[in-house]
Amino acid sequence: MHYTWFVVNTLAWLTLFADCLVAFILCVLVCEAVSRCSSRMLQWIDRHALVLMLVVSTLAACGSLFLSDVAGWTPCKDCWYQRIFMYPQVVLLTIALWRRDRGIAVSILALSLIGIVISIAHYHEQLQLIWHPDAVAAPCDSTGVSCAKTPTLKLGYITIPVMAMSAFALNIVGSLIVLRKPRHSHRVSSSLV
């Protein structure tokens, strides 16, 4: 599977891009709140938020399925919990786009907040094993799968939980942009469909 590392490297670079994008958008949100004027970039993201969040959740779901089903990396218990909070977003966002329902942002925000907490805890566990390699790492679950032997550490910080964390962070930011101001209608403009 010579293409596995190509996919892993691509996912790592997408994760780095996502992290930079989240930081940039948060800065723009803060500037918008301070100056009380709306940014064109945020207006564009607001108009396309459901599509963008669907792309993020679809890439995350496909990436995790590739790692487990094609590359053969067995997901641990914490990885499964993260999947539980990411996979439904693909279905929910698809239905929301079809129905033109921006109100789904509340559900996406809730799923992503829970998912990012799990990702942070999972990454913390991995960091402890990286920083203290002599520590005995118990398997995450009864199958014996453990994060002690994480198959990837890219760009000095990116592991599989960081990839999930970045996807959750993007969908949190996207949801917050949709929810940041009251609207008369939670419908997507027809130009997006």
Protein backbone atom coordinates (compact mmCIF):
# COMPACT_ATOMS: atom_id res chain seq x y z
CA MET A 1 0.00 0.00 0.00
CA HIS A 2 2.45 2.57 -1.27
CA TYR A 3 -0.28 5.22 -1.47
CA THR A 4 -1.09 5.02 2.27
CA TRP A 5 1.66 7.45 3.21
CA PHE A 6 0.65 9.76 0.37
CA VAL A 7 -2.88 9.88 1.83
CA VAL A 8 -1.56 10.30 5.40
CA ASN A 9 0.72 13.15 4.30
CA THR A 10 -2.14 14.79 2.39
CA LEU A 11 -4.37 14.53 5.47
CA ALA A 12 -1.58 16.00 7.59
CA TRP A 13 -1.19 19.00 5.29
CA LEU A 14 -4.97 19.47 5.20
CA THR A 15 -4.91 19.39 9.01
CA LEU A 16 -2.23 22.08 9.12
CA PHE A 17 -4.27 24.18 6.67
CA ALA A 18 -7.39 23.66 8.79
CA ASP A 19 -5.57 24.72 11.96
CA CYS A 20 -4.30 27.90 10.30
CA LEU A 21 -7.75 28.60 8.87
CA VAL A 22 -9.44 28.18 12.26
CA ALA A 23 -6.94 30.59 13.87
CA PHE A 24 -7.41 33.13 11.06
CA ILE A 25 -11.22 32.95 11.14
CA LEU A 26 -11.26 33.32 14.93
CA CYS A 27 -9.11 36.46 14.58
CA VAL A 28 -11.51 37.83 11.96
CA LEU A 29 -14.47 37.04 14.26
CA VAL A 30 -12.82 38.93 17.11
CA CYS A 31 -12.03 41.89 14.84
CA GLU A 32 -15.61 41.88 13.60
CA ALA A 33 -16.93 41.89 17.17
CA VAL A 34 -14.63 44.76 18.16
CA SER A 35 -15.20 46.91 15.08
CA ARG A 36 -18.89 45.99 14.77
CA CYS A 37 -18.66 45.76 10.99
CA SER A 38 -19.12 42.61 9.01
CA SER A 39 -16.25 41.04 7.09
CA ARG A 40 -16.81 40.01 3.48
CA MET A 41 -14.96 36.78 4.17
CA LEU A 42 -17.32 35.93 7.04
CA GLN A 43 -20.30 36.82 4.87
CA TRP A 44 -19.02 34.41 2.21
CA ILE A 45 -18.42 31.67 4.79
CA ASP A 46 -21.87 32.32 6.25
CA ARG A 47 -23.50 31.91 2.82
CA HIS A 48 -21.62 28.66 2.13
CA ALA A 49 -21.27 27.31 5.69
CA LEU A 50 -23.39 24.18 5.26
CA VAL A 51 -21.53 23.14 2.12
CA LEU A 52 -18.15 23.86 3.75
CA MET A 53 -19.05 21.91 6.89
CA LEU A 54 -20.28 19.02 4.73
CA VAL A 55 -16.96 18.98 2.87
CA VAL A 56 -15.05 18.95 6.19
CA SER A 57 -17.12 16.15 7.72
CA THR A 58 -17.03 14.10 4.50
CA LEU A 59 -13.24 14.40 4.24
CA ALA A 60 -12.89 13.45 7.92
CA ALA A 61 -15.19 10.44 7.53
CA CYS A 62 -13.50 9.27 4.32
CA GLY A 63 -10.06 9.80 5.85
CA SER A 64 -10.87 7.74 8.91
CA LEU A 65 -12.44 4.99 6.81
CA PHE A 66 -9.36 4.94 4.57
CA LEU A 67 -7.04 4.61 7.58
CA SER A 68 -9.02 1.72 9.05
CA ASP A 69 -10.41 -0.11 6.02
CA VAL A 70 -7.73 0.45 3.38
CA ALA A 71 -4.53 1.09 5.35
CA GLY A 72 -5.56 -1.49 7.96
CA TRP A 73 -4.95 0.69 11.03
CA THR A 74 -7.29 -0.58 13.72
CA PRO A 75 -9.09 2.29 15.44
CA CYS A 76 -8.95 2.37 19.23
CA LYS A 77 -11.93 3.06 21.47
CA ASP A 78 -11.30 6.82 21.52
CA CYS A 79 -11.09 6.88 17.72
CA TRP A 80 -14.48 5.16 17.57
CA TYR A 81 -15.98 7.77 19.90
CA GLN A 82 -14.67 10.53 17.65
CA ARG A 83 -16.19 8.76 14.65
CA ILE A 84 -19.52 8.57 16.46
CA PHE A 85 -19.61 12.37 16.61
CA MET A 86 -18.27 13.01 13.08
CA TYR A 87 -20.06 10.49 10.86
CA PRO A 88 -23.63 11.70 11.59
CA GLN A 89 -22.61 15.19 10.53
CA VAL A 90 -22.29 13.99 6.93
CA VAL A 91 -25.88 12.76 6.92
CA LEU A 92 -27.29 15.70 8.89
CA LEU A 93 -25.57 18.31 6.71
CA THR A 94 -26.65 16.54 3.52
CA ILE A 95 -30.27 16.57 4.67
CA ALA A 96 -29.95 20.19 5.84
CA LEU A 97 -28.65 21.24 2.43
CA TRP A 98 -31.46 19.38 0.71
CA ARG A 99 -34.02 21.03 3.00
CA ARG A 100 -32.14 24.36 3.00
CA ASP A 101 -32.18 24.30 6.79
CA ARG A 102 -29.47 26.40 8.47
CA GLY A 103 -30.92 25.49 11.87
CA ILE A 104 -28.82 22.31 11.75
CA ALA A 105 -25.86 24.44 12.89
CA VAL A 106 -26.95 23.95 16.51
CA SER A 107 -26.75 20.15 16.18
CA ILE A 108 -23.43 20.32 14.31
CA LEU A 109 -22.07 22.59 17.04
CA ALA A 110 -23.17 20.15 19.76
CA LEU A 111 -21.69 17.10 17.99
CA SER A 112 -18.46 18.95 17.25
CA LEU A 113 -18.03 20.26 20.80
CA ILE A 114 -18.37 16.76 22.23
CA GLY A 115 -16.10 15.36 19.53
CA ILE A 116 -13.38 17.96 20.09
CA VAL A 117 -13.34 17.25 23.83
CA ILE A 118 -12.77 13.55 23.07
CA SER A 119 -10.07 14.46 20.53
CA ILE A 120 -8.27 16.69 23.03
CA ALA A 121 -8.32 13.98 25.70
CA HIS A 122 -7.15 11.40 23.17
CA TYR A 123 -4.32 13.65 21.97
CA HIS A 124 -3.29 14.34 25.57
CA GLU A 125 -3.03 10.59 26.12
CA GLN A 126 -0.86 10.26 23.02
CA LEU A 127 1.38 13.15 24.09
CA GLN A 128 1.96 11.51 27.46
CA LEU A 129 3.13 8.39 25.63
CA ILE A 130 5.35 10.43 23.29
CA TRP A 131 6.88 12.47 26.12
CA HIS A 132 7.31 9.47 28.41
CA PRO A 133 8.15 6.55 26.10
CA ASP A 134 9.19 4.37 29.05
CA ALA A 135 5.73 4.56 30.56
CA VAL A 136 3.64 1.43 30.33
CA ALA A 137 0.67 2.09 28.10
CA ALA A 138 -2.41 0.05 28.72
CA PRO A 139 -4.53 -0.81 25.71
CA CYS A 140 -7.39 1.59 25.16
CA ASP A 141 -9.88 -1.25 25.20
CA SER A 142 -10.24 -5.01 25.59
CA THR A 143 -9.16 -5.65 21.98
CA GLY A 144 -5.62 -4.63 22.88
CA VAL A 145 -5.56 -1.68 20.47
CA SER A 146 -3.44 1.07 22.01
CA CYS A 147 -2.37 4.57 21.10
CA ALA A 148 1.11 3.77 22.38
CA LYS A 149 2.09 2.88 18.83
CA THR A 150 0.42 5.69 16.95
CA PRO A 151 1.22 5.02 13.31
CA THR A 152 1.69 8.68 12.42
CA LEU A 153 3.22 11.83 13.83
CA LYS A 154 3.45 14.37 11.05
CA LEU A 155 4.80 17.92 11.03
CA GLY A 156 5.83 17.52 14.65
CA TYR A 157 2.33 17.46 16.14
CA ILE A 158 -0.26 15.90 13.86
CA THR A 159 -1.65 12.52 14.87
CA ILE A 160 -5.00 10.99 13.99
CA PRO A 161 -6.76 12.65 16.98
CA VAL A 162 -5.36 16.03 15.86
CA MET A 163 -6.81 15.42 12.41
CA ALA A 164 -10.21 14.81 14.01
CA MET A 165 -9.75 17.77 16.37
CA SER A 166 -9.09 20.08 13.42
CA ALA A 167 -12.19 18.89 11.57
CA PHE A 168 -14.31 19.39 14.67
CA ALA A 169 -12.79 22.85 15.16
CA LEU A 170 -13.64 23.86 11.58
CA ASN A 171 -17.24 22.74 12.02
CA ILE A 172 -17.45 24.54 15.38
CA VAL A 173 -16.28 27.76 13.73
CA GLY A 174 -18.64 27.22 10.79
CA SER A 175 -21.56 26.67 13.16
CA LEU A 176 -20.66 29.75 15.19
CA ILE A 177 -20.58 31.86 12.04
CA VAL A 178 -24.05 30.62 11.08
CA LEU A 179 -25.35 31.24 14.61
CA ARG A 180 -23.52 34.52 15.32
CA LYS A 181 -26.39 36.82 14.50
CA PRO A 182 -30.16 36.38 14.62
CA ARG A 183 -31.82 35.74 11.29
CA HIS A 184 -35.42 35.96 10.28
CA SER A 185 -35.06 32.65 8.48
CA HIS A 186 -32.72 29.71 8.87
CA ARG A 187 -32.97 28.79 5.19
CA VAL A 188 -30.05 28.56 2.76
CA SER A 189 -30.26 30.84 -0.22
CA SER A 190 -31.39 29.05 -3.35
CA SER A 191 -28.14 30.01 -5.12
CA LEU A 192 -26.31 27.31 -3.13
CA VAL A 193 -28.44 24.44 -4.30
